[in-house]
Amino acid sequence: MIQRDIAPYIQALATQYPVITITGPRQSGKTTLCKTLFKEKQYINLESLQTREFALSDPIGLIKSIPDGAIIDEIQYAPQLLSEIQVRVDEIKKPGQFILTGSNQLSLSTKISQSLAGRTAVATLLPFTIQEARQMMREKSPFEWLYYGFYPRIYDSKLNPTQALDFYMQTYIERDIRQLSNIHQLSTFQKFVKLCATRVGQLVNLSEIGNEIGISHSTVRDWLTILQASYIIFLLEPFSVNISKRLIKTPKLYFYDVGLAAYLLGIEQVAHVDSHPLKGALFENMIISEKLKNRFNIGKNQNMYFYRDSSGLEIDLIYPDGSKWCVIEIKSSQTINSHFFKNILNFEKLFPEFISEKYLIYAGDQNQKRSNGIQVVSADFCLPK
């Protein structure tokens, strides 16, 4: 059993709040984590139709049957329980009573804010980080990570990534999408998800995407919201500061799991990665999602951005570091070229008092500190916290 990086944060929350809610994609390891950290808790799985029927028809009875609280998996299936949990924790003011999990952040956050505001802490568990996955498969190169992705079951059960991710998408389309939205055009939606994979690391253009598969831009917006709510994609917003330069205002699209994006692009073996035209975009996706995992694992929010202005100056990733900001340039090359430092140095000229740390993350295996202050970091070795 891998010690998940988020575990200390979850354990600390359980000493402070009566309810802990853990959200994240299906198969990101939420159930395993909860059972490991809270072995003494009864486990209730609302995926079970019999248990779900009990929860829906008699929520008071179910809560009364667990006087010491419980782990309740996929709480979004029985939101009626949240009101009864509220009553219980208001009566018994004790931390760590209920551990809830859910894989639909949109409906779950709305229902929790209505019933458990001020009573629950919320944490997000994403698939393995690189360092977590390396505990299972130490010899992987950066490009192998792009093919395997980071869903724990692929590592725990030594599954073929292509087959496992195919089953994952079949389950997602047939079950989760039908529950999230009344989508009748499932085949078109499948094309839409694959099209999103071809847009990894690109600015979101609603009209362009809609025109390519024959749907309206408003439908594209709705479907992007569904993909975000079910932890398939996330959007990286542009960074803006009070300067006169004209800035890009459109977000970029990334997948929470880079292996899923690679599967949707038709990559069926590691050898396909190195020659794929989107190798650089996939590598960028991996690093940005890795940083997102790092932040979530210590209880921080996303609060990450990219920078692009009308002159073409672009920084791949910016995130806060105290009162200043850390900037990262990402390159899929396995060798370092002095040209790679240009954007960071030009950005620093614009904002000389703005930057705390400067990083170039690449696919090679050497870590360096250059005289220009930029730290060169191997993606497979370490990612700045």
Protein backbone atom coordinates (compact mmCIF):
# COMPACT_ATOMS: atom_id res chain seq x y z
CA MET A 1 0.00 0.00 0.00
CA ILE A 2 1.45 3.36 -1.07
CA GLN A 3 1.48 6.15 1.46
CA ARG A 4 -0.41 8.92 -0.33
CA ASP A 5 1.07 12.40 -0.07
CA ILE A 6 -2.30 13.81 0.97
CA ALA A 7 -2.61 11.50 4.01
CA PRO A 8 -1.11 13.85 6.66
CA TYR A 9 -3.41 16.65 5.52
CA ILE A 10 -6.51 14.42 5.73
CA GLN A 11 -5.50 13.14 9.16
CA ALA A 12 -5.03 16.68 10.43
CA LEU A 13 -8.46 17.71 9.14
CA ALA A 14 -10.05 14.76 10.95
CA THR A 15 -8.89 16.23 14.27
CA GLN A 16 -10.55 19.56 13.51
CA TYR A 17 -13.82 18.97 11.62
CA PRO A 18 -16.72 16.58 12.28
CA VAL A 19 -17.03 15.79 8.56
CA ILE A 20 -14.29 15.34 5.96
CA THR A 21 -15.34 15.31 2.30
CA ILE A 22 -12.86 13.88 -0.19
CA THR A 23 -13.58 14.52 -3.84
CA GLY A 24 -11.72 13.45 -6.95
CA PRO A 25 -11.98 11.35 -10.11
CA ARG A 26 -13.23 7.80 -10.08
CA GLN A 27 -10.40 5.36 -9.37
CA SER A 28 -8.11 8.03 -7.91
CA GLY A 29 -7.82 5.99 -4.70
CA LYS A 30 -10.37 7.72 -2.44
CA THR A 31 -11.86 4.53 -1.01
CA THR A 32 -8.48 2.89 -0.39
CA LEU A 33 -7.19 6.03 1.29
CA CYS A 34 -10.22 6.31 3.57
CA LYS A 35 -10.15 2.66 4.58
CA THR A 36 -6.43 2.91 5.32
CA LEU A 37 -6.60 6.09 7.37
CA PHE A 38 -9.85 5.30 9.20
CA LYS A 39 -9.71 1.56 9.78
CA GLU A 40 -12.05 1.75 12.77
CA LYS A 41 -14.86 3.33 10.73
CA GLN A 42 -17.76 1.36 9.26
CA TYR A 43 -17.76 1.50 5.47
CA ILE A 44 -20.93 2.30 3.51
CA ASN A 45 -20.85 2.16 -0.29
CA LEU A 46 -23.69 3.96 -2.03
CA GLU A 47 -22.70 2.33 -5.33
CA SER A 48 -24.53 -0.70 -3.89
CA LEU A 49 -28.15 -0.49 -5.06
CA GLN A 50 -29.44 -2.08 -1.86
CA THR A 51 -27.53 0.33 0.36
CA ARG A 52 -28.53 3.26 -1.82
CA GLU A 53 -32.21 2.31 -1.58
CA PHE A 54 -31.90 2.24 2.23
CA ALA A 55 -30.25 5.67 2.21
CA LEU A 56 -32.84 7.20 -0.12
CA SER A 57 -35.94 5.71 1.53
CA ASP A 58 -34.85 5.98 5.16
CA PRO A 59 -31.93 8.39 5.66
CA ILE A 60 -32.78 8.81 9.35
CA GLY A 61 -32.65 5.05 9.87
CA LEU A 62 -29.31 4.68 8.11
CA ILE A 63 -27.65 7.43 10.14
CA LYS A 64 -29.07 5.98 13.37
CA SER A 65 -27.52 2.62 12.43
CA ILE A 66 -24.01 4.15 12.55
CA PRO A 67 -23.78 5.87 15.95
CA ASP A 68 -20.00 6.21 15.68
CA GLY A 69 -20.08 7.68 12.18
CA ALA A 70 -18.77 6.01 9.03
CA ILE A 71 -17.00 6.28 5.71
CA ILE A 72 -19.74 6.93 3.15
CA ASP A 73 -18.61 6.39 -0.43
CA GLU A 74 -20.12 8.35 -3.37
CA ILE A 75 -22.34 10.51 -1.17
CA GLN A 76 -23.81 12.29 -4.22
CA TYR A 77 -26.06 9.26 -4.79
CA ALA A 78 -27.98 9.97 -1.57
CA PRO A 79 -27.86 13.71 -0.81
CA GLN A 80 -30.71 13.24 1.72
CA LEU A 81 -28.09 11.85 4.09
CA LEU A 82 -26.36 15.20 4.31
CA SER A 83 -29.21 16.79 6.28
CA GLU A 84 -29.21 13.91 8.74
CA ILE A 85 -25.43 14.09 9.06
CA GLN A 86 -25.81 17.79 9.83
CA VAL A 87 -28.26 16.98 12.64
CA ARG A 88 -25.92 14.31 14.04
CA VAL A 89 -22.75 16.42 14.10
CA ASP A 90 -24.62 19.37 15.59
CA GLU A 91 -25.79 17.11 18.42
CA ILE A 92 -22.45 15.34 18.92
CA LYS A 93 -19.68 17.88 18.57
CA LYS A 94 -16.80 15.53 17.86
CA PRO A 95 -14.20 15.74 15.07
CA GLY A 96 -13.76 13.02 12.48
CA GLN A 97 -17.24 11.48 12.70
CA PHE A 98 -18.02 11.13 8.99
CA ILE A 99 -15.70 10.66 6.03
CA LEU A 100 -17.54 11.30 2.76
CA THR A 101 -16.31 10.73 -0.78
CA GLY A 102 -17.67 11.84 -4.13
CA SER A 103 -16.63 12.00 -7.76
CA ASN A 104 -18.94 14.76 -9.00
CA GLN A 105 -17.60 18.06 -7.79
CA LEU A 106 -20.40 20.20 -9.24
CA SER A 107 -23.46 18.62 -7.62
CA LEU A 108 -21.53 17.58 -4.53
CA SER A 109 -20.20 21.05 -3.75
CA THR A 110 -23.67 22.55 -4.14
CA LYS A 111 -25.31 20.01 -1.83
CA ILE A 112 -22.56 20.21 0.76
CA SER A 113 -22.66 24.01 0.84
CA GLN A 114 -26.39 23.81 1.51
CA SER A 115 -26.25 21.19 4.29
CA LEU A 116 -22.76 21.08 5.78
CA ALA A 117 -21.42 24.62 5.46
CA GLY A 118 -18.97 25.23 8.29
CA ARG A 119 -19.10 21.57 9.36
CA THR A 120 -16.97 19.89 6.72
CA ALA A 121 -13.49 20.26 5.35
CA VAL A 122 -13.08 19.44 1.67
CA ALA A 123 -10.00 17.81 0.14
CA THR A 124 -9.33 16.75 -3.44
CA LEU A 125 -7.52 13.50 -4.22
CA LEU A 126 -6.21 13.19 -7.76
CA PRO A 127 -4.43 10.12 -9.24
CA PHE A 128 -0.85 9.31 -8.25
CA THR A 129 1.88 11.91 -8.37
CA ILE A 130 5.08 10.92 -10.17
CA GLN A 131 6.77 10.25 -6.85
CA GLU A 132 3.89 8.05 -5.68
CA ALA A 133 3.86 6.09 -8.94
CA ARG A 134 7.62 5.60 -8.75
CA GLN A 135 7.11 3.56 -5.59
CA MET A 136 5.30 1.01 -7.78
CA MET A 137 7.33 1.28 -11.00
CA ARG A 138 10.70 2.91 -10.42
CA GLU A 139 12.19 2.53 -13.87
CA LYS A 140 9.71 4.60 -15.86
CA SER A 141 11.01 7.45 -18.03
CA PRO A 142 9.09 10.74 -18.39
CA PHE A 143 7.60 9.58 -21.70
CA GLU A 144 6.49 6.28 -20.19
CA TRP A 145 4.53 8.25 -17.60
CA LEU A 146 2.67 9.95 -20.48
CA TYR A 147 1.50 6.56 -21.72
CA TYR A 148 0.72 4.94 -18.36
CA GLY A 149 -0.91 7.94 -16.74
CA PHE A 150 -1.39 7.85 -12.98
CA TYR A 151 -4.61 6.03 -12.08
CA PRO A 152 -3.67 3.78 -9.13
CA ARG A 153 -5.38 0.60 -10.41
CA ILE A 154 -3.10 0.51 -13.44
CA TYR A 155 -0.16 0.20 -11.05
CA ASP A 156 -1.77 -1.84 -8.27
CA SER A 157 -3.06 -4.50 -10.67
CA LYS A 158 -0.34 -4.10 -13.35
CA LEU A 159 -2.97 -3.42 -16.01
CA ASN A 160 -2.42 -2.66 -19.67
CA PRO A 161 -2.97 1.14 -19.75
CA THR A 162 -4.75 1.19 -23.12
CA GLN A 163 -7.23 -1.48 -22.08
CA ALA A 164 -7.75 -0.06 -18.58
CA LEU A 165 -8.38 3.47 -19.87
CA ASP A 166 -10.72 2.14 -22.54
CA PHE A 167 -12.82 0.48 -19.83
CA TYR A 168 -12.59 3.68 -17.76
CA MET A 169 -14.03 5.75 -20.60
CA GLN A 170 -16.77 3.21 -21.35
CA THR A 171 -17.87 3.31 -17.71
CA TYR A 172 -17.63 7.09 -17.61
CA ILE A 173 -19.75 7.59 -20.72
CA GLU A 174 -22.35 4.93 -19.92
CA ARG A 175 -22.80 5.70 -16.22
CA ASP A 176 -21.47 9.05 -15.06
CA ILE A 177 -22.51 11.09 -18.08
CA ARG A 178 -26.07 9.76 -17.97
CA GLN A 179 -26.26 10.81 -14.33
CA LEU A 180 -24.63 14.20 -14.76
CA SER A 181 -26.64 15.39 -17.73
CA ASN A 182 -29.39 14.32 -20.07
CA ILE A 183 -27.10 13.89 -23.08
CA HIS A 184 -28.77 12.01 -25.91
CA GLN A 185 -25.91 12.40 -28.39
CA LEU A 186 -23.51 10.02 -26.64
CA SER A 187 -21.56 9.24 -29.81
CA THR A 188 -21.11 12.96 -30.47
CA PHE A 189 -20.08 13.46 -26.86
CA GLN A 190 -17.44 10.74 -27.26
CA LYS A 191 -16.08 12.57 -30.31
CA PHE A 192 -16.09 15.77 -28.27
CA VAL A 193 -13.98 14.21 -25.49
CA LYS A 194 -11.46 12.92 -28.06
CA LEU A 195 -11.37 16.34 -29.71
CA CYS A 196 -10.56 17.88 -26.33
CA ALA A 197 -7.51 15.62 -26.17
CA THR A 198 -6.25 17.14 -29.42
CA ARG A 199 -6.55 20.56 -27.75
CA VAL A 200 -4.34 19.76 -24.75
CA GLY A 201 -2.38 22.86 -23.76
CA GLN A 202 -4.26 25.06 -26.22
CA LEU A 203 -6.53 28.03 -25.72
CA VAL A 204 -10.19 27.04 -25.55
CA ASN A 205 -12.06 28.11 -28.68
CA LEU A 206 -15.75 27.21 -28.26
CA SER A 207 -16.79 28.01 -31.81
CA GLU A 208 -13.89 26.12 -33.39
CA ILE A 209 -14.58 22.99 -31.35
CA GLY A 210 -18.32 23.20 -32.04
CA ASN A 211 -17.85 23.64 -35.78
CA GLU A 212 -15.58 20.60 -35.97
CA ILE A 213 -18.19 18.19 -34.60
CA GLY A 214 -21.40 20.04 -35.48
CA ILE A 215 -22.62 21.38 -32.13
CA SER A 216 -23.26 24.92 -30.92
CA HIS A 217 -20.72 26.87 -28.89
CA SER A 218 -23.17 26.89 -25.97
CA THR A 219 -23.27 23.08 -26.06
CA VAL A 220 -19.47 23.03 -26.08
CA ARG A 221 -19.52 25.23 -22.97
CA ASP A 222 -22.02 22.93 -21.24
CA TRP A 223 -20.05 19.80 -22.11
CA LEU A 224 -16.79 21.34 -20.92
CA THR A 225 -18.53 22.03 -17.60
CA ILE A 226 -19.53 18.35 -17.41
CA LEU A 227 -15.94 17.24 -18.08
CA GLN A 228 -14.72 19.57 -15.35
CA ALA A 229 -17.39 18.44 -12.88
CA SER A 230 -16.41 14.79 -13.37
CA TYR A 231 -12.66 15.42 -13.09
CA ILE A 232 -11.75 14.69 -16.70
CA ILE A 233 -10.39 18.13 -17.62
CA PHE A 234 -9.47 21.37 -15.89
CA LEU A 235 -8.92 24.85 -17.26
CA LEU A 236 -5.83 26.92 -16.57
CA GLU A 237 -6.75 30.59 -16.43
CA PRO A 238 -4.56 33.37 -17.87
CA PHE A 239 -2.63 35.52 -15.44
CA SER A 240 -3.26 39.26 -15.52
CA VAL A 241 -1.55 42.17 -13.82
CA ASN A 242 -2.08 45.91 -13.98
CA ILE A 243 0.05 46.72 -16.98
CA SER A 244 -0.69 48.30 -20.33
CA LYS A 245 0.21 45.22 -22.40
CA ARG A 246 -2.66 43.44 -24.10
CA LEU A 247 -3.08 40.02 -22.48
CA ILE A 248 -4.74 36.81 -23.61
CA LYS A 249 -7.97 36.28 -21.65
CA THR A 250 -8.89 32.74 -22.75
CA PRO A 251 -8.09 29.70 -20.56
CA LYS A 252 -6.11 26.65 -21.64
CA LEU A 253 -7.41 23.08 -21.50
CA TYR A 254 -5.67 20.22 -19.68
CA PHE A 255 -6.58 16.71 -18.52
CA TYR A 256 -6.36 15.70 -14.88
CA ASP A 257 -4.69 12.47 -16.03
CA VAL A 258 -2.25 12.71 -18.92
CA GLY A 259 -2.53 8.97 -19.63
CA LEU A 260 -6.22 9.40 -20.39
CA ALA A 261 -5.39 12.19 -22.84
CA ALA A 262 -2.76 9.97 -24.49
CA TYR A 263 -5.27 7.12 -24.78
CA LEU A 264 -7.84 9.43 -26.39
CA LEU A 265 -5.18 10.48 -28.91
CA GLY A 266 -4.78 6.86 -29.98
CA ILE A 267 -1.44 6.23 -28.28
CA GLU A 268 -1.35 2.48 -27.62
CA GLN A 269 2.26 1.91 -26.61
CA VAL A 270 5.21 3.85 -25.23
CA ALA A 271 6.93 3.90 -28.64
CA HIS A 272 4.06 5.98 -30.03
CA VAL A 273 4.72 8.80 -27.56
CA ASP A 274 8.14 9.91 -28.78
CA SER A 275 6.98 10.38 -32.38
CA HIS A 276 3.56 11.86 -31.59
CA PRO A 277 3.10 15.50 -32.71
CA LEU A 278 1.50 16.34 -29.34
CA LYS A 279 4.31 14.89 -27.23
CA GLY A 280 5.28 18.37 -26.03
CA ALA A 281 1.70 19.25 -25.11
CA LEU A 282 1.26 15.97 -23.22
CA PHE A 283 4.50 16.54 -21.32
CA GLU A 284 3.33 20.05 -20.43
CA ASN A 285 -0.01 18.59 -19.30
CA MET A 286 1.79 16.09 -17.05
CA ILE A 287 3.88 18.77 -15.33
CA ILE A 288 0.97 21.16 -14.80
CA SER A 289 -1.32 18.43 -13.45
CA GLU A 290 1.57 17.27 -11.23
CA LYS A 291 1.83 20.72 -9.71
CA LEU A 292 -1.93 20.75 -9.22
CA LYS A 293 -1.69 17.45 -7.29
CA ASN A 294 1.12 18.88 -5.16
CA ARG A 295 -1.04 21.85 -4.20
CA PHE A 296 -4.16 19.82 -3.47
CA ASN A 297 -2.13 17.34 -1.39
CA ILE A 298 -1.18 20.07 1.09
CA GLY A 299 -4.59 21.72 1.17
CA LYS A 300 -4.02 24.59 -1.24
CA ASN A 301 -6.45 25.56 -3.99
CA GLN A 302 -5.58 25.56 -7.69
CA ASN A 303 -4.54 29.21 -7.93
CA MET A 304 -2.31 28.48 -10.96
CA TYR A 305 -2.07 30.44 -14.19
CA PHE A 306 -0.27 30.86 -17.49
CA TYR A 307 0.86 34.13 -19.05
CA ARG A 308 0.62 35.17 -22.67
CA ASP A 309 0.58 38.65 -24.17
CA SER A 310 0.06 40.02 -27.66
CA SER A 311 3.80 40.10 -28.36
CA GLY A 312 3.95 36.30 -28.05
CA LEU A 313 5.69 36.20 -24.66
CA GLU A 314 4.40 33.17 -22.78
CA ILE A 315 5.07 31.50 -19.42
CA ASP A 316 3.69 27.98 -19.08
CA LEU A 317 2.91 28.09 -15.36
CA ILE A 318 2.73 30.74 -12.64
CA TYR A 319 1.67 30.10 -9.05
CA PRO A 320 1.97 32.04 -5.76
CA ASP A 321 4.98 31.68 -3.51
CA GLY A 322 4.30 33.86 -0.47
CA SER A 323 3.94 37.45 -1.61
CA LYS A 324 5.70 36.71 -4.91
CA TRP A 325 5.24 34.21 -7.72
CA CYS A 326 7.05 31.14 -8.98
CA VAL A 327 7.36 30.85 -12.77
CA ILE A 328 7.93 27.64 -14.72
CA GLU A 329 8.84 26.97 -18.33
CA ILE A 330 8.21 23.39 -19.54
CA LYS A 331 10.11 21.65 -22.33
CA SER A 332 9.77 18.03 -23.47
CA SER A 333 13.36 17.98 -24.76
CA GLN A 334 15.86 15.66 -23.07
CA THR A 335 18.67 18.15 -23.64
CA ILE A 336 18.94 21.77 -22.54
CA ASN A 337 19.11 24.61 -25.05
CA SER A 338 19.92 28.17 -23.98
CA HIS A 339 16.94 29.29 -26.05
CA PHE A 340 14.66 27.64 -23.45
CA PHE A 341 15.47 30.38 -20.91
CA LYS A 342 14.38 33.29 -23.12
CA ASN A 343 10.75 33.60 -22.05
CA ILE A 344 11.49 33.51 -18.32
CA LEU A 345 14.25 36.12 -18.64
CA ASN A 346 12.05 38.40 -20.77
CA PHE A 347 9.22 38.00 -18.28
CA GLU A 348 11.62 38.89 -15.45
CA LYS A 349 12.57 42.10 -17.27
CA LEU A 350 8.89 43.11 -17.25
CA PHE A 351 8.44 42.28 -13.56
CA PRO A 352 11.83 42.46 -11.83
CA GLU A 353 10.32 42.47 -8.30
CA PHE A 354 7.65 39.90 -9.09
CA ILE A 355 9.44 36.53 -9.19
CA SER A 356 10.58 34.44 -6.23
CA GLU A 357 11.74 31.30 -8.07
CA LYS A 358 12.41 30.46 -11.73
CA TYR A 359 12.33 26.90 -13.06
CA LEU A 360 12.87 25.13 -16.35
CA ILE A 361 11.40 21.62 -16.16
CA TYR A 362 12.50 19.25 -18.93
CA ALA A 363 12.58 15.53 -19.83
CA GLY A 364 16.29 15.04 -19.15
CA ASP A 365 17.93 13.64 -16.03
CA GLN A 366 20.10 16.49 -14.73
CA ASN A 367 19.31 19.15 -12.14
CA GLN A 368 21.22 22.43 -12.41
CA LYS A 369 21.25 25.94 -10.99
CA ARG A 370 22.23 28.35 -13.79
CA SER A 371 23.97 31.69 -13.27
CA ASN A 372 20.84 33.48 -14.54
CA GLY A 373 19.04 32.19 -11.44
CA ILE A 374 16.95 29.61 -13.31
CA GLN A 375 16.81 26.16 -11.74
CA VAL A 376 16.79 23.35 -14.31
CA VAL A 377 14.80 20.42 -12.95
CA SER A 378 14.25 16.91 -14.29
CA ALA A 379 10.55 16.02 -14.32
CA ASP A 380 11.33 12.46 -13.28
CA PHE A 381 13.40 13.51 -10.30
CA CYS A 382 11.69 16.37 -8.58
CA LEU A 383 9.02 19.00 -9.03
CA PRO A 384 9.28 22.22 -7.00
CA LYS A 385 6.77 22.30 -4.14
